[in-house]
Amino acid sequence: MAQDVSFSVLNNNGDAVQVGAWRFEGDNTGPKVHLQAGVHADEIAGMLVLHVLMQRLAVAEAEGRLKGSVTVVPQANPLGIGQFRQGRILGRFHDATGHNFNRGFDQSAAMEQPATNVQQWQKKLVELAASAEVMLDLHTDDEALPYLYVHRSFWPRGHELATAMKMDVAIIWDNGGDGSFEETVIAPWLREGTTHGRMAATLELRGQGDVNDRYATQDADGLYAWLCGYGTIDEVTALAEWPVEIRDMAQMETILAPQSGVLIFEKELGDVVEQGQRFARILRRPGDPSSQVVLLAEQTGRMVTRYRDRLIPQGAVVAKFTGSRVSRNWSGGLLDPN
């Protein structure tokens, strides 16, 4: 039976709210694993995936087939999960401070006495994962193909994970600098040169609307099969071949909206768009044809993500594409700076 390792933090009103966490104990012959979802509280898909996976882990534990311990945090952010405005959850940023929930974990973890409730929550979450040798952080984009972020130190090891999860794209990064959860967890591994036998990645599980039993079961099956292959669960599984497009972070093209307005996509997710080819347009003032701006592909590549709503503000990310060369807009850091 899984051990309850939940912890509490204070919300904006000073009331205690709980981060539900469970640990499935193995026989200590396999790697320790930390799985979590919902650091950005409005990214829901991973919550259902881990809910489904926990049922399979419970069976493996009961049958004595669990080799390493697995800590599961299916809904990691109780601060953001309650931020509803006019019927919609706003879970990327903390209302009271404007803090992006997945930024600054490194600073919070280093504080002896964190100053804000977000920093306290971040510090406790990092401490929960500190002993893990494997960390997978489940996220969700606006509208997207399934894709993987992985530090170069864990490649080509990450290819098996991308294959197991049937992810269409793997994005390899070198330097972040934003203090994301993944970056904070692996920082001591990189500093001490102890990445051998370890694994960390951020999994983007499609888009915000892709929350259903079919996808959750498929993704939970993929995680389970990968954990078997990694030596956490004593069970033989076979991974089917899956084509994964591998790109360095610098090769990704992020297209921002040059103006606000009605967003009309002319290409679908997964489509390959040629350099200079139009893929969308933005109509700033309906009724005025001259207010329309046509958006063109910077280089030939596949549309990996696109903006969910069809009324877009200026400066928002319209779409992200794979590319075959370094983007002329690349200046280092993250794919999503905000």
C-alpha atoms as a PDB file:
ATOM      1  CA  MET A   1       0.000   0.000   0.000  1.00  0.00           C
ATOM      2  CA  ALA A   2       1.390   3.385  -1.015  1.00  0.00           C
ATOM      3  CA  GLN A   3       2.759   5.587   1.762  1.00  0.00           C
ATOM      4  CA  ASP A   4       1.154   9.015   2.061  1.00  0.00           C
ATOM      5  CA  VAL A   5       3.945  11.630   1.810  1.00  0.00           C
ATOM      6  CA  SER A   6       1.672  14.641   1.284  1.00  0.00           C
ATOM      7  CA  PHE A   7       2.620  18.041   2.662  1.00  0.00           C
ATOM      8  CA  SER A   8       0.817  21.307   3.346  1.00  0.00           C
ATOM      9  CA  VAL A   9       1.455  24.917   2.382  1.00  0.00           C
ATOM     10  CA  LEU A  10      -0.428  28.121   3.091  1.00  0.00           C
ATOM     11  CA  ASN A  11      -2.649  29.701   0.466  1.00  0.00           C
ATOM     12  CA  ASN A  12      -3.123  33.455  -0.002  1.00  0.00           C
ATOM     13  CA  ASN A  13      -5.611  33.559   2.885  1.00  0.00           C
ATOM     14  CA  GLY A  14      -3.208  31.852   5.260  1.00  0.00           C
ATOM     15  CA  ASP A  15      -5.133  28.580   5.230  1.00  0.00           C
ATOM     16  CA  ALA A  16      -3.346  25.253   4.888  1.00  0.00           C
ATOM     17  CA  VAL A  17      -3.808  23.439   1.582  1.00  0.00           C
ATOM     18  CA  GLN A  18      -2.415  20.019   0.809  1.00  0.00           C
ATOM     19  CA  VAL A  19      -0.129  18.741  -1.917  1.00  0.00           C
ATOM     20  CA  GLY A  20      -1.176  15.118  -2.324  1.00  0.00           C
ATOM     21  CA  ALA A  21       1.800  12.791  -2.759  1.00  0.00           C
ATOM     22  CA  TRP A  22       2.184   9.012  -2.486  1.00  0.00           C
ATOM     23  CA  ARG A  23       5.236   6.774  -2.418  1.00  0.00           C
ATOM     24  CA  PHE A  24       5.190   3.214  -3.703  1.00  0.00           C
ATOM     25  CA  GLU A  25       8.024   1.330  -2.006  1.00  0.00           C
ATOM     26  CA  GLY A  26      10.219  -1.131  -3.858  1.00  0.00           C
ATOM     27  CA  ASP A  27      12.958  -3.445  -2.628  1.00  0.00           C
ATOM     28  CA  ASN A  28      15.635  -0.756  -3.155  1.00  0.00           C
ATOM     29  CA  THR A  29      17.326  -2.582  -6.036  1.00  0.00           C
ATOM     30  CA  GLY A  30      16.030  -0.147  -8.658  1.00  0.00           C
ATOM     31  CA  PRO A  31      16.217   3.620  -9.162  1.00  0.00           C
ATOM     32  CA  LYS A  32      14.177   6.049  -7.082  1.00  0.00           C
ATOM     33  CA  VAL A  33      11.622   7.853  -9.236  1.00  0.00           C
ATOM     34  CA  HIS A  34       9.716  11.131  -8.801  1.00  0.00           C
ATOM     35  CA  LEU A  35       6.717  11.757 -11.070  1.00  0.00           C
ATOM     36  CA  GLN A  36       4.615  14.905 -10.903  1.00  0.00           C
ATOM     37  CA  ALA A  37       1.986  16.823 -12.839  1.00  0.00           C
ATOM     38  CA  GLY A  38       0.298  20.186 -12.628  1.00  0.00           C
ATOM     39  CA  VAL A  39       3.121  22.494 -11.530  1.00  0.00           C
ATOM     40  CA  HIS A  40       1.330  24.847 -13.880  1.00  0.00           C
ATOM     41  CA  ALA A  41      -2.060  24.205 -12.342  1.00  0.00           C
ATOM     42  CA  ASP A  42      -4.016  24.730 -15.564  1.00  0.00           C
ATOM     43  CA  GLU A  43      -2.143  21.908 -17.323  1.00  0.00           C
ATOM     44  CA  ILE A  44      -4.468  19.043 -16.533  1.00  0.00           C
ATOM     45  CA  ALA A  45      -3.611  16.072 -18.774  1.00  0.00           C
ATOM     46  CA  GLY A  46      -0.777  14.735 -16.621  1.00  0.00           C
ATOM     47  CA  MET A  47      -2.993  14.685 -13.535  1.00  0.00           C
ATOM     48  CA  LEU A  48      -5.246  12.062 -15.099  1.00  0.00           C
ATOM     49  CA  VAL A  49      -2.270  10.145 -16.499  1.00  0.00           C
ATOM     50  CA  LEU A  50      -0.701   9.787 -13.052  1.00  0.00           C
ATOM     51  CA  HIS A  51      -4.063   8.910 -11.515  1.00  0.00           C
ATOM     52  CA  VAL A  52      -4.290   5.986 -13.946  1.00  0.00           C
ATOM     53  CA  LEU A  53      -0.631   5.016 -13.510  1.00  0.00           C
ATOM     54  CA  MET A  54      -0.953   4.870  -9.714  1.00  0.00           C
ATOM     55  CA  GLN A  55      -3.412   1.995 -10.011  1.00  0.00           C
ATOM     56  CA  ARG A  56      -0.865  -0.040 -11.959  1.00  0.00           C
ATOM     57  CA  LEU A  57       1.939   0.864  -9.554  1.00  0.00           C
ATOM     58  CA  ALA A  58      -0.210  -0.326  -6.650  1.00  0.00           C
ATOM     59  CA  VAL A  59      -0.559  -3.733  -8.302  1.00  0.00           C
ATOM     60  CA  ALA A  60       3.192  -3.957  -8.997  1.00  0.00           C
ATOM     61  CA  GLU A  61       3.942  -3.052  -5.381  1.00  0.00           C
ATOM     62  CA  ALA A  62       1.448  -5.585  -4.006  1.00  0.00           C
ATOM     63  CA  GLU A  63       2.916  -8.341  -6.192  1.00  0.00           C
ATOM     64  CA  GLY A  64       6.488  -7.550  -5.133  1.00  0.00           C
ATOM     65  CA  ARG A  65       7.586  -6.468  -8.606  1.00  0.00           C
ATOM     66  CA  LEU A  66       8.547  -2.918  -7.686  1.00  0.00           C
ATOM     67  CA  LYS A  67      12.340  -2.586  -7.579  1.00  0.00           C
ATOM     68  CA  GLY A  68      12.741   1.134  -6.929  1.00  0.00           C
ATOM     69  CA  SER A  69      10.491   3.478  -4.981  1.00  0.00           C
ATOM     70  CA  VAL A  70       8.153   5.704  -7.012  1.00  0.00           C
ATOM     71  CA  THR A  71       6.865   8.986  -5.589  1.00  0.00           C
ATOM     72  CA  VAL A  72       3.820  10.345  -7.416  1.00  0.00           C
ATOM     73  CA  VAL A  73       2.472  13.888  -7.107  1.00  0.00           C
ATOM     74  CA  PRO A  74      -0.536  13.935  -9.449  1.00  0.00           C
ATOM     75  CA  GLN A  75      -1.686  17.488  -8.675  1.00  0.00           C
ATOM     76  CA  ALA A  76       1.366  19.383  -7.522  1.00  0.00           C
ATOM     77  CA  ASN A  77       0.040  22.932  -7.240  1.00  0.00           C
ATOM     78  CA  PRO A  78      -2.839  23.624  -4.821  1.00  0.00           C
ATOM     79  CA  LEU A  79      -2.107  27.362  -4.965  1.00  0.00           C
ATOM     80  CA  GLY A  80      -2.877  27.619  -8.656  1.00  0.00           C
ATOM     81  CA  ILE A  81      -5.659  25.054  -8.814  1.00  0.00           C
ATOM     82  CA  GLY A  82      -8.039  27.438  -7.021  1.00  0.00           C
ATOM     83  CA  GLN A  83      -7.415  30.468  -9.221  1.00  0.00           C
ATOM     84  CA  PHE A  84     -10.665  30.561 -11.190  1.00  0.00           C
ATOM     85  CA  ARG A  85     -11.689  33.755 -12.973  1.00  0.00           C
ATOM     86  CA  GLN A  86     -15.007  33.924 -14.811  1.00  0.00           C
ATOM     87  CA  GLY A  87     -15.161  30.158 -15.091  1.00  0.00           C
ATOM     88  CA  ARG A  88     -11.602  29.595 -16.294  1.00  0.00           C
ATOM     89  CA  ILE A  89      -8.609  28.460 -14.294  1.00  0.00           C
ATOM     90  CA  LEU A  90      -5.548  30.704 -14.488  1.00  0.00           C
ATOM     91  CA  GLY A  91      -2.845  28.436 -13.181  1.00  0.00           C
ATOM     92  CA  ARG A  92       0.378  29.518 -14.868  1.00  0.00           C
ATOM     93  CA  PHE A  93       1.060  32.535 -12.666  1.00  0.00           C
ATOM     94  CA  HIS A  94       0.402  33.171  -8.986  1.00  0.00           C
ATOM     95  CA  ASP A  95      -2.316  35.797  -8.665  1.00  0.00           C
ATOM     96  CA  ALA A  96      -0.919  37.573  -5.628  1.00  0.00           C
ATOM     97  CA  THR A  97       2.683  37.954  -6.814  1.00  0.00           C
ATOM     98  CA  GLY A  98       2.706  37.360 -10.588  1.00  0.00           C
ATOM     99  CA  HIS A  99       5.244  34.558 -10.019  1.00  0.00           C
ATOM    100  CA  ASN A 100       5.350  31.939 -12.788  1.00  0.00           C
ATOM    101  CA  PHE A 101       4.845  28.732 -10.841  1.00  0.00           C
ATOM    102  CA  ASN A 102       7.608  26.944 -12.791  1.00  0.00           C
ATOM    103  CA  ARG A 103      10.258  29.619 -12.445  1.00  0.00           C
ATOM    104  CA  GLY A 104      12.650  30.387  -9.593  1.00  0.00           C
ATOM    105  CA  PHE A 105      12.643  26.951  -7.955  1.00  0.00           C
ATOM    106  CA  ASP A 106      16.423  27.238  -7.587  1.00  0.00           C
ATOM    107  CA  GLN A 107      16.195  30.452  -5.571  1.00  0.00           C
ATOM    108  CA  SER A 108      13.380  29.116  -3.393  1.00  0.00           C
ATOM    109  CA  ALA A 109      15.227  25.866  -2.680  1.00  0.00           C
ATOM    110  CA  ALA A 110      18.299  27.804  -1.535  1.00  0.00           C
ATOM    111  CA  MET A 111      16.358  29.916   0.972  1.00  0.00           C
ATOM    112  CA  GLU A 112      16.546  28.959   4.623  1.00  0.00           C
ATOM    113  CA  GLN A 113      13.253  30.760   5.263  1.00  0.00           C
ATOM    114  CA  PRO A 114      11.291  31.327   2.027  1.00  0.00           C
ATOM    115  CA  ALA A 115       9.512  34.684   2.073  1.00  0.00           C
ATOM    116  CA  THR A 116       6.311  33.864   0.147  1.00  0.00           C
ATOM    117  CA  ASN A 117       3.923  30.946   0.068  1.00  0.00           C
ATOM    118  CA  VAL A 118       4.949  30.190  -3.527  1.00  0.00           C
ATOM    119  CA  GLN A 119       8.592  29.979  -2.462  1.00  0.00           C
ATOM    120  CA  GLN A 120       7.668  27.766   0.505  1.00  0.00           C
ATOM    121  CA  TRP A 121       5.732  25.452  -1.809  1.00  0.00           C
ATOM    122  CA  GLN A 122       8.591  25.345  -4.309  1.00  0.00           C
ATOM    123  CA  LYS A 123      11.161  24.514  -1.627  1.00  0.00           C
ATOM    124  CA  LYS A 124       9.055  21.650  -0.233  1.00  0.00           C
ATOM    125  CA  LEU A 125       8.429  20.213  -3.707  1.00  0.00           C
ATOM    126  CA  VAL A 126      12.150  20.229  -4.505  1.00  0.00           C
ATOM    127  CA  GLU A 127      12.909  18.574  -1.158  1.00  0.00           C
ATOM    128  CA  LEU A 128      10.387  15.829  -1.925  1.00  0.00           C
ATOM    129  CA  ALA A 129      12.187  15.049  -5.186  1.00  0.00           C
ATOM    130  CA  ALA A 130      15.742  15.548  -3.910  1.00  0.00           C
ATOM    131  CA  SER A 131      16.580  11.873  -3.390  1.00  0.00           C
ATOM    132  CA  ALA A 132      15.211  10.738  -6.745  1.00  0.00           C
ATOM    133  CA  GLU A 133      17.434   9.392  -9.505  1.00  0.00           C
ATOM    134  CA  VAL A 134      14.676   9.777 -12.097  1.00  0.00           C
ATOM    135  CA  MET A 135      12.401  12.823 -12.355  1.00  0.00           C
ATOM    136  CA  LEU A 136       9.648  13.290 -14.914  1.00  0.00           C
ATOM    137  CA  ASP A 137       7.598  16.504 -14.891  1.00  0.00           C
ATOM    138  CA  LEU A 138       4.319  16.308 -16.841  1.00  0.00           C
ATOM    139  CA  HIS A 139       3.058  19.466 -18.551  1.00  0.00           C
ATOM    140  CA  THR A 140       0.561  20.430 -21.257  1.00  0.00           C
ATOM    141  CA  ASP A 141       0.775  23.073 -23.993  1.00  0.00           C
ATOM    142  CA  ASP A 142      -2.035  25.144 -25.551  1.00  0.00           C
ATOM    143  CA  GLU A 143      -2.665  22.962 -28.623  1.00  0.00           C
ATOM    144  CA  ALA A 144       0.247  20.680 -29.392  1.00  0.00           C
ATOM    145  CA  LEU A 145       1.732  17.451 -30.577  1.00  0.00           C
ATOM    146  CA  PRO A 146       3.171  15.426 -27.689  1.00  0.00           C
ATOM    147  CA  TYR A 147       6.797  16.466 -27.230  1.00  0.00           C
ATOM    148  CA  LEU A 148       9.707  16.124 -24.817  1.00  0.00           C
ATOM    149  CA  TYR A 149      12.184  18.565 -23.279  1.00  0.00           C
ATOM    150  CA  VAL A 150      15.408  16.883 -22.195  1.00  0.00           C
ATOM    151  CA  HIS A 151      18.856  18.148 -21.198  1.00  0.00           C
ATOM    152  CA  ARG A 152      21.664  17.033 -23.482  1.00  0.00           C
ATOM    153  CA  SER A 153      23.237  15.058 -20.629  1.00  0.00           C
ATOM    154  CA  PHE A 154      20.314  12.613 -20.789  1.00  0.00           C
ATOM    155  CA  TRP A 155      20.428  12.074 -24.543  1.00  0.00           C
ATOM    156  CA  PRO A 156      20.281   9.600 -26.270  1.00  0.00           C
ATOM    157  CA  ARG A 157      18.830   7.956 -23.115  1.00  0.00           C
ATOM    158  CA  GLY A 158      15.766  10.161 -23.565  1.00  0.00           C
ATOM    159  CA  HIS A 159      15.009   8.597 -26.934  1.00  0.00           C
ATOM    160  CA  GLU A 160      13.573   5.501 -25.249  1.00  0.00           C
ATOM    161  CA  LEU A 161      11.291   7.706 -23.139  1.00  0.00           C
ATOM    162  CA  ALA A 162      10.087   9.647 -26.185  1.00  0.00           C
ATOM    163  CA  THR A 163       9.459   6.365 -28.002  1.00  0.00           C
ATOM    164  CA  ALA A 164       7.558   4.847 -25.074  1.00  0.00           C
ATOM    165  CA  MET A 165       5.385   7.980 -24.823  1.00  0.00           C
ATOM    166  CA  LYS A 166       4.837   8.142 -28.601  1.00  0.00           C
ATOM    167  CA  MET A 167       6.150  11.684 -28.638  1.00  0.00           C
ATOM    168  CA  ASP A 168       6.543  13.281 -32.043  1.00  0.00           C
ATOM    169  CA  VAL A 169       9.353  15.675 -31.142  1.00  0.00           C
ATOM    170  CA  ALA A 170      12.240  15.705 -28.662  1.00  0.00           C
ATOM    171  CA  ILE A 171      13.786  19.105 -27.913  1.00  0.00           C
ATOM    172  CA  ILE A 172      17.304  19.017 -26.475  1.00  0.00           C
ATOM    173  CA  TRP A 173      18.442  21.927 -24.308  1.00  0.00           C
ATOM    174  CA  ASP A 174      21.743  22.947 -22.748  1.00  0.00           C
ATOM    175  CA  ASN A 175      21.221  26.089 -20.689  1.00  0.00           C
ATOM    176  CA  GLY A 176      18.034  27.314 -19.049  1.00  0.00           C
ATOM    177  CA  GLY A 177      18.675  29.910 -16.402  1.00  0.00           C
ATOM    178  CA  ASP A 178      15.050  30.232 -15.303  1.00  0.00           C
ATOM    179  CA  GLY A 179      15.071  27.915 -12.317  1.00  0.00           C
ATOM    180  CA  SER A 180      12.399  25.555 -13.619  1.00  0.00           C
ATOM    181  CA  PHE A 181      11.703  22.463 -11.536  1.00  0.00           C
ATOM    182  CA  GLU A 182      13.588  20.208 -13.933  1.00  0.00           C
ATOM    183  CA  GLU A 183      16.596  22.526 -14.076  1.00  0.00           C
ATOM    184  CA  THR A 184      16.697  22.822 -10.280  1.00  0.00           C
ATOM    185  CA  VAL A 185      16.527  19.062  -9.699  1.00  0.00           C
ATOM    186  CA  ILE A 186      19.318  18.244 -12.141  1.00  0.00           C
ATOM    187  CA  ALA A 187      21.613  21.159 -11.185  1.00  0.00           C
ATOM    188  CA  PRO A 188      23.505  19.187  -8.490  1.00  0.00           C
ATOM    189  CA  TRP A 189      23.791  16.193 -10.826  1.00  0.00           C
ATOM    190  CA  LEU A 190      25.387  18.371 -13.497  1.00  0.00           C
ATOM    191  CA  ARG A 191      27.586  20.154 -10.975  1.00  0.00           C
ATOM    192  CA  GLU A 192      28.833  16.904  -9.448  1.00  0.00           C
ATOM    193  CA  GLY A 193      29.030  14.973 -12.727  1.00  0.00           C
ATOM    194  CA  THR A 194      26.608  12.298 -11.500  1.00  0.00           C
ATOM    195  CA  THR A 195      24.215  12.116 -14.461  1.00  0.00           C
ATOM    196  CA  HIS A 196      25.170   8.512 -15.251  1.00  0.00           C
ATOM    197  CA  GLY A 197      22.267   6.235 -14.417  1.00  0.00           C
ATOM    198  CA  ARG A 198      19.966   9.203 -13.856  1.00  0.00           C
ATOM    199  CA  MET A 199      17.205  10.655 -15.991  1.00  0.00           C
ATOM    200  CA  ALA A 200      15.125  13.825 -15.997  1.00  0.00           C
ATOM    201  CA  ALA A 201      12.744  15.288 -18.550  1.00  0.00           C
ATOM    202  CA  THR A 202       9.712  17.490 -19.026  1.00  0.00           C
ATOM    203  CA  LEU A 203       6.893  15.825 -20.960  1.00  0.00           C
ATOM    204  CA  GLU A 204       4.407  18.013 -22.822  1.00  0.00           C
ATOM    205  CA  LEU A 205       1.245  15.927 -23.128  1.00  0.00           C
ATOM    206  CA  ARG A 206      -0.421  17.535 -26.141  1.00  0.00           C
ATOM    207  CA  GLY A 207      -2.876  20.404 -25.556  1.00  0.00           C
ATOM    208  CA  GLN A 208      -5.170  21.707 -22.855  1.00  0.00           C
ATOM    209  CA  GLY A 209      -8.239  20.085 -24.421  1.00  0.00           C
ATOM    210  CA  ASP A 210      -6.616  16.651 -24.795  1.00  0.00           C
ATOM    211  CA  VAL A 211      -7.810  15.216 -21.496  1.00  0.00           C
ATOM    212  CA  ASN A 212      -9.621  11.929 -21.976  1.00  0.00           C
ATOM    213  CA  ASP A 213      -9.456   8.266 -21.011  1.00  0.00           C
ATOM    214  CA  ARG A 214      -7.891   7.155 -24.290  1.00  0.00           C
ATOM    215  CA  TYR A 215      -4.905   9.485 -24.080  1.00  0.00           C
ATOM    216  CA  ALA A 216      -4.523   9.001 -20.323  1.00  0.00           C
ATOM    217  CA  THR A 217      -4.424   5.223 -20.695  1.00  0.00           C
ATOM    218  CA  GLN A 218      -1.991   5.426 -23.610  1.00  0.00           C
ATOM    219  CA  ASP A 219       0.337   7.744 -21.710  1.00  0.00           C
ATOM    220  CA  ALA A 220       0.116   5.776 -18.455  1.00  0.00           C
ATOM    221  CA  ASP A 221       0.923   2.606 -20.414  1.00  0.00           C
ATOM    222  CA  GLY A 222       3.910   4.372 -21.955  1.00  0.00           C
ATOM    223  CA  LEU A 223       5.236   5.522 -18.590  1.00  0.00           C
ATOM    224  CA  TYR A 224       4.741   2.069 -17.105  1.00  0.00           C
ATOM    225  CA  ALA A 225       6.562   0.377 -19.999  1.00  0.00           C
ATOM    226  CA  TRP A 226       9.419   2.845 -19.750  1.00  0.00           C
ATOM    227  CA  LEU A 227       9.729   2.315 -15.975  1.00  0.00           C
ATOM    228  CA  CYS A 228       9.921  -1.424 -16.632  1.00  0.00           C
ATOM    229  CA  GLY A 229      12.671  -0.916 -19.166  1.00  0.00           C
ATOM    230  CA  TYR A 230      14.535   1.412 -16.807  1.00  0.00           C
ATOM    231  CA  GLY A 231      14.608  -1.210 -14.066  1.00  0.00           C
ATOM    232  CA  THR A 232      12.063   0.290 -11.693  1.00  0.00           C
ATOM    233  CA  ILE A 233       9.470  -2.457 -12.234  1.00  0.00           C
ATOM    234  CA  ASP A 234      10.309  -6.138 -12.660  1.00  0.00           C
ATOM    235  CA  GLU A 235       8.350  -6.826 -15.808  1.00  0.00           C
ATOM    236  CA  VAL A 236       9.379  -7.390 -19.410  1.00  0.00           C
ATOM    237  CA  THR A 237       7.808  -4.998 -21.889  1.00  0.00           C
ATOM    238  CA  ALA A 238       8.539  -4.285 -25.529  1.00  0.00           C
ATOM    239  CA  LEU A 239       8.550  -0.786 -26.982  1.00  0.00           C
ATOM    240  CA  ALA A 240       7.227  -0.437 -30.505  1.00  0.00           C
ATOM    241  CA  GLU A 241       9.188   1.720 -32.907  1.00  0.00           C
ATOM    242  CA  TRP A 242       8.054   5.338 -33.037  1.00  0.00           C
ATOM    243  CA  PRO A 243       9.450   8.144 -35.223  1.00  0.00           C
ATOM    244  CA  VAL A 244      10.795  10.956 -33.025  1.00  0.00           C
ATOM    245  CA  GLU A 245      11.959  14.200 -34.622  1.00  0.00           C
ATOM    246  CA  ILE A 246      15.012  15.379 -32.664  1.00  0.00           C
ATOM    247  CA  ARG A 247      15.855  19.074 -32.549  1.00  0.00           C
ATOM    248  CA  ASP A 248      18.145  21.313 -30.543  1.00  0.00           C
ATOM    249  CA  MET A 249      16.332  24.083 -28.700  1.00  0.00           C
ATOM    250  CA  ALA A 250      18.003  26.659 -30.929  1.00  0.00           C
ATOM    251  CA  GLN A 251      16.443  25.068 -34.024  1.00  0.00           C
ATOM    252  CA  MET A 252      12.892  25.685 -32.823  1.00  0.00           C
ATOM    253  CA  GLU A 253      11.010  28.614 -34.353  1.00  0.00           C
ATOM    254  CA  THR A 254       8.647  30.517 -32.064  1.00  0.00           C
ATOM    255  CA  ILE A 255       6.322  32.906 -33.880  1.00  0.00           C
ATOM    256  CA  LEU A 256       4.826  35.773 -31.869  1.00  0.00           C
ATOM    257  CA  ALA A 257       1.683  37.699 -32.737  1.00  0.00           C
ATOM    258  CA  PRO A 258       2.657  41.063 -34.309  1.00  0.00           C
ATOM    259  CA  GLN A 259      -0.785  42.446 -33.450  1.00  0.00           C
ATOM    260  CA  SER A 260      -3.900  41.455 -31.555  1.00  0.00           C
ATOM    261  CA  GLY A 261      -6.996  40.245 -33.352  1.00  0.00           C
ATOM    262  CA  VAL A 262      -8.921  37.284 -34.710  1.00  0.00           C
ATOM    263  CA  LEU A 263      -6.524  34.392 -35.304  1.00  0.00           C
ATOM    264  CA  ILE A 264      -7.176  32.178 -38.330  1.00  0.00           C
ATOM    265  CA  PHE A 265      -4.927  29.151 -38.823  1.00  0.00           C
ATOM    266  CA  GLU A 266      -4.436  27.903 -42.361  1.00  0.00           C
ATOM    267  CA  LYS A 267      -2.317  24.894 -41.326  1.00  0.00           C
ATOM    268  CA  GLU A 268      -2.968  22.123 -38.818  1.00  0.00           C
ATOM    269  CA  LEU A 269      -0.820  20.706 -36.039  1.00  0.00           C
ATOM    270  CA  GLY A 270       1.781  18.353 -37.458  1.00  0.00           C
ATOM    271  CA  ASP A 271       1.718  19.948 -40.910  1.00  0.00           C
ATOM    272  CA  VAL A 272       5.074  20.646 -42.534  1.00  0.00           C
ATOM    273  CA  VAL A 273       5.187  24.256 -43.660  1.00  0.00           C
ATOM    274  CA  GLU A 274       7.764  25.434 -46.177  1.00  0.00           C
ATOM    275  CA  GLN A 275       9.932  28.473 -45.541  1.00  0.00           C
ATOM    276  CA  GLY A 276       8.024  31.607 -46.531  1.00  0.00           C
ATOM    277  CA  GLN A 277       4.703  29.751 -46.741  1.00  0.00           C
ATOM    278  CA  ARG A 278       1.703  31.277 -44.971  1.00  0.00           C
ATOM    279  CA  PHE A 279       0.289  29.327 -42.047  1.00  0.00           C
ATOM    280  CA  ALA A 280      -2.031  31.812 -40.313  1.00  0.00           C
ATOM    281  CA  ARG A 281      -3.379  35.327 -40.402  1.00  0.00           C
ATOM    282  CA  ILE A 282      -4.562  37.836 -37.794  1.00  0.00           C
ATOM    283  CA  LEU A 283      -7.459  40.196 -38.479  1.00  0.00           C
ATOM    284  CA  ARG A 284      -7.182  43.189 -36.160  1.00  0.00           C
ATOM    285  CA  ARG A 285     -10.399  44.985 -37.128  1.00  0.00           C
ATOM    286  CA  PRO A 286     -13.055  42.755 -38.689  1.00  0.00           C
ATOM    287  CA  GLY A 287     -14.626  44.689 -41.543  1.00  0.00           C
ATOM    288  CA  ASP A 288     -11.313  46.336 -42.471  1.00  0.00           C
ATOM    289  CA  PRO A 289      -9.355  44.137 -44.936  1.00  0.00           C
ATOM    290  CA  SER A 290      -6.276  46.350 -44.561  1.00  0.00           C
ATOM    291  CA  SER A 291      -5.974  45.367 -40.883  1.00  0.00           C
ATOM    292  CA  GLN A 292      -5.094  41.753 -41.712  1.00  0.00           C
ATOM    293  CA  VAL A 293      -1.557  40.453 -41.231  1.00  0.00           C
ATOM    294  CA  VAL A 294      -0.449  37.194 -42.864  1.00  0.00           C
ATOM    295  CA  LEU A 295       2.047  35.058 -40.918  1.00  0.00           C
ATOM    296  CA  LEU A 296       4.772  33.190 -42.803  1.00  0.00           C
ATOM    297  CA  ALA A 297       7.044  30.319 -41.764  1.00  0.00           C
ATOM    298  CA  GLU A 298      10.586  31.409 -40.892  1.00  0.00           C
ATOM    299  CA  GLN A 299      12.024  28.123 -42.151  1.00  0.00           C
ATOM    300  CA  THR A 300      10.733  24.757 -43.281  1.00  0.00           C
ATOM    301  CA  GLY A 301       9.456  22.728 -40.366  1.00  0.00           C
ATOM    302  CA  ARG A 302       6.561  21.023 -38.636  1.00  0.00           C
ATOM    303  CA  MET A 303       3.980  22.897 -36.574  1.00  0.00           C
ATOM    304  CA  VAL A 304       4.407  21.523 -33.048  1.00  0.00           C
ATOM    305  CA  THR A 305       2.198  23.905 -31.051  1.00  0.00           C
ATOM    306  CA  ARG A 306      -0.339  26.622 -31.697  1.00  0.00           C
ATOM    307  CA  TYR A 307      -2.343  29.154 -29.695  1.00  0.00           C
ATOM    308  CA  ARG A 308      -5.518  27.680 -28.247  1.00  0.00           C
ATOM    309  CA  ASP A 309      -7.874  30.667 -28.392  1.00  0.00           C
ATOM    310  CA  ARG A 310      -8.844  32.351 -31.620  1.00  0.00           C
ATOM    311  CA  LEU A 311      -8.610  35.897 -30.307  1.00  0.00           C
ATOM    312  CA  ILE A 312      -4.937  36.536 -29.670  1.00  0.00           C
ATOM    313  CA  PRO A 313      -3.169  39.400 -27.866  1.00  0.00           C
ATOM    314  CA  GLN A 314      -0.128  41.070 -29.347  1.00  0.00           C
ATOM    315  CA  GLY A 315       3.093  39.330 -28.361  1.00  0.00           C
ATOM    316  CA  ALA A 316       1.529  35.956 -27.563  1.00  0.00           C
ATOM    317  CA  VAL A 317       3.020  32.778 -29.046  1.00  0.00           C
ATOM    318  CA  VAL A 318       1.059  31.964 -32.205  1.00  0.00           C
ATOM    319  CA  ALA A 319       2.889  28.729 -32.988  1.00  0.00           C
ATOM    320  CA  LYS A 320       6.146  26.835 -32.622  1.00  0.00           C
ATOM    321  CA  PHE A 321       7.821  24.941 -35.437  1.00  0.00           C
ATOM    322  CA  THR A 322      10.726  22.568 -35.775  1.00  0.00           C
ATOM    323  CA  GLY A 323      13.556  23.771 -37.980  1.00  0.00           C
ATOM    324  CA  SER A 324      16.728  22.406 -39.530  1.00  0.00           C
ATOM    325  CA  ARG A 325      18.995  25.350 -38.679  1.00  0.00           C
ATOM    326  CA  VAL A 326      19.467  27.739 -35.776  1.00  0.00           C
ATOM    327  CA  SER A 327      16.639  30.251 -35.645  1.00  0.00           C
ATOM    328  CA  ARG A 328      17.644  33.821 -36.444  1.00  0.00           C
ATOM    329  CA  ASN A 329      15.572  34.830 -33.416  1.00  0.00           C
ATOM    330  CA  TRP A 330      17.427  32.527 -31.033  1.00  0.00           C
ATOM    331  CA  SER A 331      19.144  34.337 -28.171  1.00  0.00           C
ATOM    332  CA  GLY A 332      19.572  31.448 -25.723  1.00  0.00           C
ATOM    333  CA  GLY A 333      17.516  30.381 -22.747  1.00  0.00           C
ATOM    334  CA  LEU A 334      14.106  28.825 -22.925  1.00  0.00           C
ATOM    335  CA  LEU A 335      11.541  28.122 -25.602  1.00  0.00           C
ATOM    336  CA  ASP A 336       8.929  29.828 -23.392  1.00  0.00           C
ATOM    337  CA  PRO A 337      10.577  32.741 -21.549  1.00  0.00           C
ATOM    338  CA  ASN A 338       7.413  33.668 -19.600  1.00  0.00           C
END
